[in-house]
Amino acid sequence: MSNIKLIGLGVFFSFLVVLFVKNYESDTKEISLREGSVILAYGDSLTNGFGVSKEFSYPSQIEKKTGLKVINAGVNGEPSGKGLLRLPHLIKEHNPDLVILCHGANDILNKLSIKEMKENLLAMVRVIKQSGAEVLLVGVPDFSLFDLGVHDVYEEVAEEMDLLLEDEVIRYIELHRELKSDYVHPNKEGYEMMADKFIEVLKLKK
């Protein structure tokens, strides 16, 4: 076998090893919470529960299903820049063990600067980590794409900050009209699907 072929095979197998390690690391990354842990659900209308009464928002449903204290800190229509400004006070006030960070949808929908959105998300994660809390980052779809793939920014932030990323549930809801109350927001069933997915990812007991 020629040296060129051997080099080619070596590169190929090296790629497989890197891919396996990357997938193994992402699959095994998990967050463990103890009884009595406090969760801060932080974001915009997708967190607030727009379109349903507050009892059916995903934070309320996680609290009901797990018995953990879950604070709904979602603000309708909020862009990530404003989210960054109000986060430190809430972290200090509630001292959460975990923050479920689902932000950026309004930046994407209103075509605000994606570069600034990424910087805001990174800054939010730094604030959370400095407090000692864990972070579950939730990916939001790129609404300009036909298949509503999750925006690349979320994977970039997750990789740079070594975060657990959930990037399936909102995209799935957006692709299924029966799970939405309007063209963007989930209905009761959609928010329950979000709650169940986060419970599954975090390995919380119902």
N, C-alpha and C. Protein backbone atom coordinates (compact mmCIF):
# COMPACT_ATOMS: atom_id res chain seq x y z
N MET A 1 0.85 -1.19 0.00
CA MET A 1 0.00 0.00 0.00
C MET A 1 0.89 1.25 0.00
N SER A 2 0.55 2.22 -0.84
CA SER A 2 1.39 3.41 -0.96
C SER A 2 1.32 4.27 0.29
N ASN A 3 2.36 5.12 0.43
CA ASN A 3 2.41 6.02 1.58
C ASN A 3 1.24 6.99 1.58
N ILE A 4 0.81 7.40 0.37
CA ILE A 4 -0.32 8.34 0.26
C ILE A 4 -1.59 7.71 0.81
N LYS A 5 -1.80 6.42 0.46
CA LYS A 5 -3.00 5.73 0.95
C LYS A 5 -2.93 5.54 2.46
N LEU A 6 -1.75 5.22 2.96
CA LEU A 6 -1.59 5.04 4.40
C LEU A 6 -1.88 6.34 5.15
N ILE A 7 -1.38 7.45 4.60
CA ILE A 7 -1.64 8.74 5.22
C ILE A 7 -3.12 9.05 5.19
N GLY A 8 -3.75 8.73 4.05
CA GLY A 8 -5.19 8.97 3.93
C GLY A 8 -5.99 8.18 4.94
N LEU A 9 -5.63 6.91 5.13
CA LEU A 9 -6.32 6.08 6.11
C LEU A 9 -6.09 6.60 7.52
N GLY A 10 -4.87 7.07 7.79
CA GLY A 10 -4.56 7.61 9.11
C GLY A 10 -5.41 8.82 9.43
N VAL A 11 -5.55 9.72 8.44
CA VAL A 11 -6.39 10.92 8.63
C VAL A 11 -7.83 10.51 8.87
N PHE A 12 -8.31 9.53 8.09
CA PHE A 12 -9.70 9.08 8.20
C PHE A 12 -9.98 8.52 9.58
N PHE A 13 -9.09 7.63 10.07
CA PHE A 13 -9.31 7.03 11.39
C PHE A 13 -9.16 8.06 12.50
N SER A 14 -8.28 9.03 12.31
CA SER A 14 -8.14 10.10 13.30
C SER A 14 -9.43 10.89 13.39
N PHE A 15 -10.05 11.12 12.22
CA PHE A 15 -11.33 11.83 12.19
C PHE A 15 -12.40 11.05 12.93
N LEU A 16 -12.43 9.72 12.74
CA LEU A 16 -13.42 8.89 13.42
C LEU A 16 -13.23 8.94 14.92
N VAL A 17 -11.97 8.91 15.38
CA VAL A 17 -11.69 8.95 16.81
C VAL A 17 -12.17 10.28 17.40
N VAL A 18 -11.86 11.39 16.71
CA VAL A 18 -12.30 12.71 17.19
C VAL A 18 -13.81 12.78 17.24
N LEU A 19 -14.47 12.27 16.19
CA LEU A 19 -15.92 12.29 16.13
C LEU A 19 -16.51 11.47 17.26
N PHE A 20 -15.95 10.28 17.52
CA PHE A 20 -16.45 9.43 18.59
C PHE A 20 -16.30 10.10 19.95
N VAL A 21 -15.12 10.68 20.19
CA VAL A 21 -14.88 11.35 21.47
C VAL A 21 -15.83 12.51 21.65
N LYS A 22 -16.03 13.31 20.59
CA LYS A 22 -16.93 14.46 20.66
C LYS A 22 -18.35 14.01 20.99
N ASN A 23 -18.82 12.97 20.29
CA ASN A 23 -20.18 12.48 20.53
C ASN A 23 -20.30 11.86 21.91
N TYR A 24 -19.27 11.13 22.33
CA TYR A 24 -19.31 10.51 23.65
C TYR A 24 -19.39 11.57 24.74
N GLU A 25 -18.58 12.62 24.59
CA GLU A 25 -18.57 13.68 25.59
C GLU A 25 -19.92 14.38 25.65
N SER A 26 -20.52 14.67 24.48
CA SER A 26 -21.79 15.39 24.47
C SER A 26 -22.91 14.52 25.00
N ASP A 27 -22.81 13.21 24.72
CA ASP A 27 -23.87 12.31 25.18
C ASP A 27 -23.80 12.06 26.67
N THR A 28 -22.61 12.14 27.26
CA THR A 28 -22.47 11.81 28.67
C THR A 28 -22.51 13.04 29.57
N LYS A 29 -22.49 14.25 28.99
CA LYS A 29 -22.57 15.46 29.80
C LYS A 29 -23.95 15.51 30.45
N GLU A 30 -24.00 15.67 31.75
CA GLU A 30 -25.29 15.73 32.42
C GLU A 30 -25.20 16.64 33.64
N ILE A 31 -26.38 17.04 34.11
CA ILE A 31 -26.48 17.90 35.28
C ILE A 31 -27.30 17.17 36.33
N SER A 32 -26.74 17.04 37.50
CA SER A 32 -27.44 16.36 38.59
C SER A 32 -27.89 17.38 39.63
N LEU A 33 -29.15 17.31 40.00
CA LEU A 33 -29.70 18.20 41.01
C LEU A 33 -30.13 17.40 42.23
N ARG A 34 -29.94 17.97 43.39
CA ARG A 34 -30.35 17.30 44.63
C ARG A 34 -31.76 17.75 45.01
N GLU A 35 -32.35 17.04 45.94
CA GLU A 35 -33.67 17.42 46.45
C GLU A 35 -33.57 18.81 47.08
N GLY A 36 -34.52 19.67 46.74
CA GLY A 36 -34.51 21.03 47.27
C GLY A 36 -33.80 22.02 46.36
N SER A 37 -33.29 21.55 45.22
CA SER A 37 -32.61 22.45 44.29
C SER A 37 -33.59 23.48 43.72
N VAL A 38 -33.04 24.64 43.36
CA VAL A 38 -33.84 25.72 42.78
C VAL A 38 -33.44 25.89 41.31
N ILE A 39 -34.45 25.95 40.46
CA ILE A 39 -34.23 26.14 39.03
C ILE A 39 -34.75 27.52 38.62
N LEU A 40 -33.93 28.28 37.91
CA LEU A 40 -34.36 29.54 37.33
C LEU A 40 -34.56 29.32 35.84
N ALA A 41 -35.80 29.43 35.39
CA ALA A 41 -36.11 29.32 33.97
C ALA A 41 -36.03 30.72 33.39
N TYR A 42 -35.04 30.96 32.54
CA TYR A 42 -34.73 32.32 32.12
C TYR A 42 -34.87 32.48 30.61
N GLY A 43 -35.62 33.49 30.20
CA GLY A 43 -35.77 33.69 28.77
C GLY A 43 -36.84 34.72 28.43
N ASP A 44 -37.47 34.50 27.29
CA ASP A 44 -38.48 35.43 26.78
C ASP A 44 -39.86 34.79 26.86
N SER A 45 -40.68 35.01 25.83
CA SER A 45 -42.06 34.51 25.87
C SER A 45 -42.15 32.99 25.84
N LEU A 46 -41.15 32.32 25.29
CA LEU A 46 -41.16 30.86 25.28
C LEU A 46 -41.01 30.30 26.70
N THR A 47 -40.41 31.09 27.57
CA THR A 47 -40.28 30.72 28.98
C THR A 47 -41.48 31.22 29.78
N ASN A 48 -41.89 32.45 29.50
CA ASN A 48 -43.02 33.05 30.20
C ASN A 48 -44.29 32.22 30.04
N GLY A 49 -44.45 31.63 28.85
CA GLY A 49 -45.65 30.82 28.59
C GLY A 49 -46.70 31.56 27.79
N PHE A 50 -46.26 32.46 26.92
CA PHE A 50 -47.20 33.22 26.09
C PHE A 50 -48.14 32.29 25.34
N GLY A 51 -49.42 32.63 25.39
CA GLY A 51 -50.43 31.84 24.68
C GLY A 51 -51.23 30.91 25.57
N VAL A 52 -50.76 30.70 26.81
CA VAL A 52 -51.48 29.86 27.77
C VAL A 52 -51.44 30.55 29.13
N SER A 53 -52.23 30.07 30.07
CA SER A 53 -52.14 30.60 31.42
C SER A 53 -50.85 30.12 32.05
N LYS A 54 -50.35 30.87 33.05
CA LYS A 54 -49.03 30.59 33.62
C LYS A 54 -48.90 29.16 34.16
N GLU A 55 -49.99 28.57 34.60
CA GLU A 55 -49.91 27.22 35.16
C GLU A 55 -49.50 26.19 34.12
N PHE A 56 -49.63 26.53 32.82
CA PHE A 56 -49.27 25.60 31.75
C PHE A 56 -47.95 25.96 31.09
N SER A 57 -47.26 26.99 31.58
CA SER A 57 -45.93 27.30 31.06
C SER A 57 -44.99 26.15 31.39
N TYR A 58 -43.89 26.03 30.66
CA TYR A 58 -43.01 24.90 30.93
C TYR A 58 -42.39 24.95 32.32
N PRO A 59 -42.04 26.15 32.86
CA PRO A 59 -41.50 26.15 34.23
C PRO A 59 -42.50 25.62 35.26
N SER A 60 -43.77 26.02 35.13
CA SER A 60 -44.79 25.54 36.07
C SER A 60 -44.98 24.04 35.96
N GLN A 61 -44.89 23.52 34.74
CA GLN A 61 -45.09 22.09 34.56
C GLN A 61 -43.89 21.29 35.08
N ILE A 62 -42.68 21.82 34.95
CA ILE A 62 -41.52 21.15 35.55
C ILE A 62 -41.68 21.10 37.07
N GLU A 63 -42.08 22.23 37.66
CA GLU A 63 -42.25 22.28 39.11
C GLU A 63 -43.29 21.27 39.57
N LYS A 64 -44.41 21.19 38.85
CA LYS A 64 -45.48 20.26 39.21
C LYS A 64 -45.03 18.81 39.08
N LYS A 65 -44.27 18.51 38.05
CA LYS A 65 -43.88 17.13 37.77
C LYS A 65 -42.72 16.65 38.66
N THR A 66 -41.86 17.57 39.12
CA THR A 66 -40.67 17.17 39.86
C THR A 66 -40.71 17.53 41.34
N GLY A 67 -41.52 18.51 41.71
CA GLY A 67 -41.55 18.96 43.09
C GLY A 67 -40.44 19.94 43.43
N LEU A 68 -39.59 20.27 42.45
CA LEU A 68 -38.54 21.25 42.67
C LEU A 68 -39.09 22.67 42.51
N LYS A 69 -38.44 23.62 43.13
CA LYS A 69 -38.85 25.02 42.98
C LYS A 69 -38.33 25.53 41.65
N VAL A 70 -39.24 26.01 40.80
CA VAL A 70 -38.86 26.53 39.49
C VAL A 70 -39.39 27.95 39.35
N ILE A 71 -38.51 28.90 39.16
CA ILE A 71 -38.89 30.30 39.05
C ILE A 71 -39.02 30.66 37.57
N ASN A 72 -40.19 31.18 37.21
CA ASN A 72 -40.42 31.59 35.83
C ASN A 72 -39.94 33.02 35.66
N ALA A 73 -38.81 33.19 35.00
CA ALA A 73 -38.24 34.52 34.77
C ALA A 73 -38.23 34.84 33.28
N GLY A 74 -39.34 34.53 32.62
CA GLY A 74 -39.48 34.83 31.20
C GLY A 74 -40.21 36.14 30.99
N VAL A 75 -39.74 36.96 30.04
CA VAL A 75 -40.37 38.25 29.73
C VAL A 75 -40.74 38.27 28.26
N ASN A 76 -42.01 38.47 27.97
CA ASN A 76 -42.48 38.48 26.59
C ASN A 76 -41.79 39.56 25.77
N GLY A 77 -41.33 39.19 24.58
CA GLY A 77 -40.76 40.15 23.65
C GLY A 77 -39.36 40.63 23.95
N GLU A 78 -38.71 40.05 24.94
CA GLU A 78 -37.41 40.55 25.38
C GLU A 78 -36.28 40.10 24.45
N PRO A 79 -35.45 41.03 23.95
CA PRO A 79 -34.24 40.63 23.22
C PRO A 79 -33.13 40.27 24.18
N SER A 80 -32.09 39.64 23.69
CA SER A 80 -31.04 39.13 24.57
C SER A 80 -30.28 40.23 25.30
N GLY A 81 -30.18 41.42 24.69
CA GLY A 81 -29.48 42.51 25.35
C GLY A 81 -30.15 42.91 26.65
N LYS A 82 -31.46 43.01 26.63
CA LYS A 82 -32.20 43.34 27.86
C LYS A 82 -32.17 42.17 28.83
N GLY A 83 -32.15 40.97 28.30
CA GLY A 83 -32.06 39.79 29.16
C GLY A 83 -30.77 39.78 29.95
N LEU A 84 -29.68 40.18 29.30
CA LEU A 84 -28.39 40.24 29.98
C LEU A 84 -28.42 41.25 31.13
N LEU A 85 -29.10 42.37 30.93
CA LEU A 85 -29.13 43.43 31.94
C LEU A 85 -29.86 43.01 33.21
N ARG A 86 -30.93 42.23 33.08
CA ARG A 86 -31.71 41.91 34.28
C ARG A 86 -31.29 40.59 34.96
N LEU A 87 -30.42 39.84 34.31
CA LEU A 87 -30.03 38.54 34.85
C LEU A 87 -29.28 38.61 36.19
N PRO A 88 -28.27 39.46 36.35
CA PRO A 88 -27.50 39.43 37.60
C PRO A 88 -28.35 39.61 38.86
N HIS A 89 -29.35 40.49 38.80
CA HIS A 89 -30.21 40.70 39.97
C HIS A 89 -30.98 39.44 40.33
N LEU A 90 -31.49 38.75 39.31
CA LEU A 90 -32.27 37.53 39.56
C LEU A 90 -31.39 36.42 40.11
N ILE A 91 -30.17 36.31 39.61
CA ILE A 91 -29.23 35.32 40.13
C ILE A 91 -28.95 35.59 41.61
N LYS A 92 -28.72 36.84 41.93
CA LYS A 92 -28.44 37.22 43.32
C LYS A 92 -29.65 36.99 44.21
N GLU A 93 -30.83 37.30 43.69
CA GLU A 93 -32.06 37.17 44.50
C GLU A 93 -32.43 35.73 44.78
N HIS A 94 -32.32 34.87 43.78
CA HIS A 94 -32.82 33.49 43.90
C HIS A 94 -31.73 32.45 44.15
N ASN A 95 -30.48 32.78 43.85
CA ASN A 95 -29.36 31.85 44.06
C ASN A 95 -29.69 30.45 43.53
N PRO A 96 -30.00 30.33 42.24
CA PRO A 96 -30.41 29.02 41.70
C PRO A 96 -29.27 28.02 41.61
N ASP A 97 -29.63 26.75 41.62
CA ASP A 97 -28.66 25.68 41.38
C ASP A 97 -28.51 25.42 39.89
N LEU A 98 -29.56 25.73 39.14
CA LEU A 98 -29.58 25.51 37.69
C LEU A 98 -30.33 26.65 37.02
N VAL A 99 -29.82 27.10 35.89
CA VAL A 99 -30.54 28.05 35.04
C VAL A 99 -30.81 27.39 33.70
N ILE A 100 -32.08 27.31 33.33
CA ILE A 100 -32.46 26.86 31.98
C ILE A 100 -32.50 28.12 31.14
N LEU A 101 -31.54 28.28 30.25
CA LEU A 101 -31.38 29.50 29.47
C LEU A 101 -31.93 29.30 28.07
N CYS A 102 -33.07 29.95 27.82
CA CYS A 102 -33.72 29.87 26.51
C CYS A 102 -33.96 31.29 26.03
N HIS A 103 -32.99 31.86 25.34
CA HIS A 103 -33.07 33.27 24.96
C HIS A 103 -32.57 33.45 23.53
N GLY A 104 -32.97 34.56 22.92
CA GLY A 104 -32.50 34.88 21.59
C GLY A 104 -33.54 34.82 20.49
N ALA A 105 -34.73 34.27 20.79
CA ALA A 105 -35.75 34.14 19.75
C ALA A 105 -36.13 35.49 19.15
N ASN A 106 -36.23 36.52 20.00
CA ASN A 106 -36.63 37.83 19.49
C ASN A 106 -35.53 38.48 18.68
N ASP A 107 -34.28 38.20 19.01
CA ASP A 107 -33.17 38.68 18.18
C ASP A 107 -33.29 38.08 16.78
N ILE A 108 -33.56 36.78 16.73
CA ILE A 108 -33.64 36.08 15.44
C ILE A 108 -34.86 36.56 14.65
N LEU A 109 -36.01 36.63 15.30
CA LEU A 109 -37.24 37.03 14.62
C LEU A 109 -37.17 38.46 14.10
N ASN A 110 -36.53 39.35 14.87
CA ASN A 110 -36.47 40.76 14.50
C ASN A 110 -35.19 41.12 13.74
N LYS A 111 -34.44 40.08 13.37
CA LYS A 111 -33.22 40.25 12.57
C LYS A 111 -32.23 41.24 13.21
N LEU A 112 -32.07 41.11 14.52
CA LEU A 112 -31.07 41.89 15.23
C LEU A 112 -29.69 41.26 15.00
N SER A 113 -28.65 41.93 15.43
CA SER A 113 -27.29 41.44 15.20
C SER A 113 -27.06 40.08 15.86
N ILE A 114 -26.72 39.10 15.06
CA ILE A 114 -26.44 37.76 15.59
C ILE A 114 -25.13 37.77 16.37
N LYS A 115 -24.19 38.59 15.92
CA LYS A 115 -22.92 38.71 16.66
C LYS A 115 -23.18 39.21 18.07
N GLU A 116 -24.02 40.23 18.21
CA GLU A 116 -24.34 40.76 19.54
C GLU A 116 -25.14 39.75 20.35
N MET A 117 -26.02 39.02 19.70
CA MET A 117 -26.79 37.99 20.40
C MET A 117 -25.86 36.95 21.00
N LYS A 118 -24.88 36.52 20.23
CA LYS A 118 -23.93 35.53 20.73
C LYS A 118 -23.16 36.09 21.91
N GLU A 119 -22.70 37.34 21.81
CA GLU A 119 -21.96 37.96 22.91
C GLU A 119 -22.83 38.06 24.16
N ASN A 120 -24.12 38.36 23.97
CA ASN A 120 -25.04 38.45 25.11
C ASN A 120 -25.24 37.09 25.76
N LEU A 121 -25.39 36.05 24.95
CA LEU A 121 -25.57 34.70 25.49
C LEU A 121 -24.31 34.26 26.25
N LEU A 122 -23.14 34.53 25.68
CA LEU A 122 -21.89 34.17 26.35
C LEU A 122 -21.77 34.91 27.69
N ALA A 123 -22.15 36.19 27.70
CA ALA A 123 -22.07 36.97 28.92
C ALA A 123 -23.05 36.44 29.97
N MET A 124 -24.25 36.04 29.53
CA MET A 124 -25.23 35.47 30.46
C MET A 124 -24.68 34.19 31.10
N VAL A 125 -24.07 33.35 30.28
CA VAL A 125 -23.51 32.10 30.78
C VAL A 125 -22.41 32.38 31.79
N ARG A 126 -21.58 33.37 31.53
CA ARG A 126 -20.51 33.71 32.47
C ARG A 126 -21.08 34.16 33.81
N VAL A 127 -22.13 34.98 33.77
CA VAL A 127 -22.78 35.45 35.00
C VAL A 127 -23.31 34.26 35.79
N ILE A 128 -23.94 33.33 35.09
CA ILE A 128 -24.52 32.15 35.75
C ILE A 128 -23.43 31.29 36.36
N LYS A 129 -22.40 31.01 35.57
CA LYS A 129 -21.32 30.13 36.06
C LYS A 129 -20.57 30.75 37.23
N GLN A 130 -20.39 32.07 37.20
CA GLN A 130 -19.70 32.74 38.30
C GLN A 130 -20.46 32.60 39.62
N SER A 131 -21.77 32.41 39.53
CA SER A 131 -22.59 32.23 40.73
C SER A 131 -22.50 30.81 41.28
N GLY A 132 -21.94 29.90 40.47
CA GLY A 132 -21.85 28.50 40.87
C GLY A 132 -22.98 27.64 40.35
N ALA A 133 -23.92 28.24 39.62
CA ALA A 133 -25.06 27.48 39.09
C ALA A 133 -24.68 26.76 37.80
N GLU A 134 -25.41 25.68 37.52
CA GLU A 134 -25.26 24.96 36.26
C GLU A 134 -26.12 25.63 35.19
N VAL A 135 -25.85 25.31 33.92
CA VAL A 135 -26.60 25.90 32.80
C VAL A 135 -27.08 24.80 31.85
N LEU A 136 -28.36 24.84 31.53
CA LEU A 136 -28.89 24.07 30.41
C LEU A 136 -29.25 25.09 29.34
N LEU A 137 -28.54 25.07 28.22
CA LEU A 137 -28.81 25.99 27.12
C LEU A 137 -29.82 25.35 26.18
N VAL A 138 -30.83 26.13 25.81
CA VAL A 138 -31.89 25.63 24.93
C VAL A 138 -31.77 26.33 23.57
N GLY A 139 -31.64 25.53 22.52
CA GLY A 139 -31.49 26.08 21.18
C GLY A 139 -32.81 26.52 20.58
N VAL A 140 -32.78 27.69 19.93
CA VAL A 140 -33.96 28.26 19.27
C VAL A 140 -33.77 28.16 17.76
N PRO A 141 -34.81 27.83 17.01
CA PRO A 141 -34.67 27.69 15.56
C PRO A 141 -34.32 29.00 14.86
N ASP A 142 -33.66 28.85 13.73
CA ASP A 142 -33.46 29.98 12.82
C ASP A 142 -34.72 30.06 11.97
N PHE A 143 -35.57 31.04 12.27
CA PHE A 143 -36.88 31.11 11.64
C PHE A 143 -36.81 31.46 10.16
N SER A 144 -35.63 31.82 9.67
CA SER A 144 -35.47 32.12 8.25
C SER A 144 -35.23 30.86 7.42
N LEU A 145 -34.96 29.75 8.09
CA LEU A 145 -34.68 28.50 7.39
C LEU A 145 -35.97 27.71 7.16
N PHE A 146 -36.06 27.07 6.01
CA PHE A 146 -37.26 26.31 5.67
C PHE A 146 -37.49 25.16 6.64
N ASP A 147 -36.40 24.49 7.05
CA ASP A 147 -36.54 23.34 7.95
C ASP A 147 -36.44 23.73 9.43
N LEU A 148 -36.35 25.05 9.68
CA LEU A 148 -36.30 25.56 11.05
C LEU A 148 -35.18 24.90 11.88
N GLY A 149 -34.03 24.71 11.27
CA GLY A 149 -32.90 24.18 12.01
C GLY A 149 -32.48 25.14 13.12
N VAL A 150 -32.03 24.61 14.23
CA VAL A 150 -31.61 25.45 15.35
C VAL A 150 -30.44 26.32 14.91
N HIS A 151 -30.47 27.59 15.32
CA HIS A 151 -29.45 28.53 14.90
C HIS A 151 -28.07 28.07 15.37
N ASP A 152 -27.08 28.24 14.48
CA ASP A 152 -25.72 27.79 14.77
C ASP A 152 -25.13 28.40 16.04
N VAL A 153 -25.61 29.59 16.40
CA VAL A 153 -25.07 30.29 17.57
C VAL A 153 -25.13 29.43 18.82
N TYR A 154 -26.19 28.65 18.97
CA TYR A 154 -26.38 27.89 20.21
C TYR A 154 -25.32 26.79 20.36
N GLU A 155 -25.02 26.11 19.28
CA GLU A 155 -23.97 25.09 19.34
C GLU A 155 -22.62 25.74 19.59
N GLU A 156 -22.40 26.90 18.97
CA GLU A 156 -21.13 27.61 19.18
C GLU A 156 -20.96 28.00 20.65
N VAL A 157 -22.02 28.54 21.25
CA VAL A 157 -21.97 28.95 22.66
C VAL A 157 -21.78 27.73 23.56
N ALA A 158 -22.51 26.65 23.25
CA ALA A 158 -22.40 25.43 24.05
C ALA A 158 -20.98 24.87 24.02
N GLU A 159 -20.36 24.87 22.84
CA GLU A 159 -19.00 24.34 22.71
C GLU A 159 -17.99 25.24 23.42
N GLU A 160 -18.13 26.55 23.24
CA GLU A 160 -17.17 27.48 23.84
C GLU A 160 -17.25 27.48 25.36
N MET A 161 -18.45 27.28 25.90
CA MET A 161 -18.64 27.36 27.34
C MET A 161 -18.84 26.00 28.00
N ASP A 162 -18.70 24.91 27.21
CA ASP A 162 -18.81 23.55 27.73
C ASP A 162 -20.16 23.34 28.43
N LEU A 163 -21.24 23.54 27.67
CA LEU A 163 -22.59 23.48 28.23
C LEU A 163 -23.36 22.28 27.71
N LEU A 164 -24.33 21.86 28.50
CA LEU A 164 -25.32 20.89 28.04
C LEU A 164 -26.32 21.65 27.18
N LEU A 165 -26.52 21.19 25.95
CA LEU A 165 -27.40 21.86 24.99
C LEU A 165 -28.57 20.97 24.62
N GLU A 166 -29.78 21.51 24.73
CA GLU A 166 -30.97 20.82 24.24
C GLU A 166 -31.39 21.56 22.97
N ASP A 167 -31.30 20.90 21.83
CA ASP A 167 -31.54 21.59 20.56
C ASP A 167 -32.57 20.88 19.67
N GLU A 168 -33.51 20.18 20.30
CA GLU A 168 -34.49 19.44 19.51
C GLU A 168 -35.93 19.89 19.73
N VAL A 169 -36.30 20.15 20.98
CA VAL A 169 -37.72 20.24 21.31
C VAL A 169 -38.42 21.45 20.69
N ILE A 170 -37.81 22.63 20.73
CA ILE A 170 -38.49 23.80 20.17
C ILE A 170 -38.62 23.67 18.66
N ARG A 171 -37.58 23.18 18.01
CA ARG A 171 -37.67 22.96 16.56
C ARG A 171 -38.81 22.00 16.23
N TYR A 172 -38.93 20.92 16.99
CA TYR A 172 -40.00 19.95 16.75
C TYR A 172 -41.37 20.61 16.89
N ILE A 173 -41.54 21.41 17.94
CA ILE A 173 -42.82 22.08 18.16
C ILE A 173 -43.12 23.05 17.02
N GLU A 174 -42.12 23.80 16.57
CA GLU A 174 -42.33 24.77 15.51
C GLU A 174 -42.74 24.10 14.20
N LEU A 175 -42.35 22.85 14.00
CA LEU A 175 -42.70 22.13 12.77
C LEU A 175 -44.05 21.44 12.85
N HIS A 176 -44.73 21.52 14.02
CA HIS A 176 -46.01 20.83 14.19
C HIS A 176 -47.07 21.80 14.68
N ARG A 177 -47.93 22.20 13.76
CA ARG A 177 -48.94 23.24 14.03
C ARG A 177 -49.84 22.88 15.20
N GLU A 178 -50.11 21.59 15.39
CA GLU A 178 -51.01 21.16 16.47
C GLU A 178 -50.42 21.39 17.86
N LEU A 179 -49.12 21.72 17.93
CA LEU A 179 -48.47 21.97 19.22
C LEU A 179 -48.28 23.46 19.49
N LYS A 180 -48.88 24.33 18.64
CA LYS A 180 -48.67 25.77 18.78
C LYS A 180 -49.99 26.52 18.96
N SER A 181 -49.90 27.64 19.69
CA SER A 181 -51.07 28.50 19.89
C SER A 181 -51.13 29.60 18.83
N ASP A 182 -49.99 29.88 18.20
CA ASP A 182 -49.92 30.82 17.08
C ASP A 182 -48.78 30.37 16.17
N TYR A 183 -48.22 31.28 15.37
CA TYR A 183 -47.19 30.83 14.42
C TYR A 183 -45.84 30.59 15.07
N VAL A 184 -45.67 30.99 16.33
CA VAL A 184 -44.39 30.78 17.02
C VAL A 184 -44.54 30.05 18.34
N HIS A 185 -45.52 30.43 19.16
CA HIS A 185 -45.56 29.97 20.55
C HIS A 185 -46.27 28.63 20.72
N PRO A 186 -45.76 27.80 21.62
CA PRO A 186 -46.41 26.52 21.92
C PRO A 186 -47.78 26.72 22.56
N ASN A 187 -48.61 25.69 22.48
CA ASN A 187 -49.84 25.65 23.27
C ASN A 187 -49.58 24.81 24.52
N LYS A 188 -50.62 24.48 25.22
CA LYS A 188 -50.45 23.71 26.47
C LYS A 188 -49.65 22.44 26.23
N GLU A 189 -50.00 21.72 25.17
CA GLU A 189 -49.30 20.46 24.88
C GLU A 189 -47.85 20.71 24.49
N GLY A 190 -47.61 21.80 23.77
CA GLY A 190 -46.24 22.12 23.37
C GLY A 190 -45.36 22.47 24.56
N TYR A 191 -45.92 23.26 25.48
CA TYR A 191 -45.14 23.60 26.68
C TYR A 191 -44.90 22.37 27.55
N GLU A 192 -45.87 21.48 27.59
CA GLU A 192 -45.66 20.24 28.36
C GLU A 192 -44.56 19.41 27.72
N MET A 193 -44.49 19.41 26.40
CA MET A 193 -43.43 18.68 25.71
C MET A 193 -42.07 19.28 26.06
N MET A 194 -41.99 20.61 26.14
CA MET A 194 -40.74 21.26 26.56
C MET A 194 -40.36 20.81 27.96
N ALA A 195 -41.33 20.85 28.88
CA ALA A 195 -41.07 20.46 30.27
C ALA A 195 -40.57 19.02 30.34
N ASP A 196 -41.24 18.12 29.64
CA ASP A 196 -40.86 16.71 29.68
C ASP A 196 -39.46 16.49 29.09
N LYS A 197 -39.14 17.24 28.03
CA LYS A 197 -37.83 17.08 27.41
C LYS A 197 -36.73 17.56 28.35
N PHE A 198 -36.95 18.67 29.03
CA PHE A 198 -35.94 19.19 29.95
C PHE A 198 -35.78 18.27 31.15
N ILE A 199 -36.89 17.71 31.62
CA ILE A 199 -36.83 16.73 32.72
C ILE A 199 -36.02 15.51 32.29
N GLU A 200 -36.22 15.08 31.06
CA GLU A 200 -35.49 13.92 30.53
C GLU A 200 -34.00 14.23 30.39
N VAL A 201 -33.69 15.37 29.81
CA VAL A 201 -32.29 15.75 29.60
C VAL A 201 -31.56 15.90 30.92
N LEU A 202 -32.23 16.50 31.89
CA LEU A 202 -31.60 16.74 33.19
C LEU A 202 -31.68 15.54 34.11
N LYS A 203 -32.39 14.50 33.66
CA LYS A 203 -32.56 13.28 34.46
C LYS A 203 -33.21 13.57 35.81
N LEU A 204 -34.24 14.42 35.77
CA LEU A 204 -35.00 14.72 36.98
C LEU A 204 -36.09 13.69 37.17
N LYS A 205 -36.45 13.41 38.39
CA LYS A 205 -37.50 12.46 38.68
C LYS A 205 -38.85 13.14 38.66
N LYS A 206 -39.79 12.54 37.92
CA LYS A 206 -41.16 13.08 37.88
C LYS A 206 -41.88 12.76 39.18
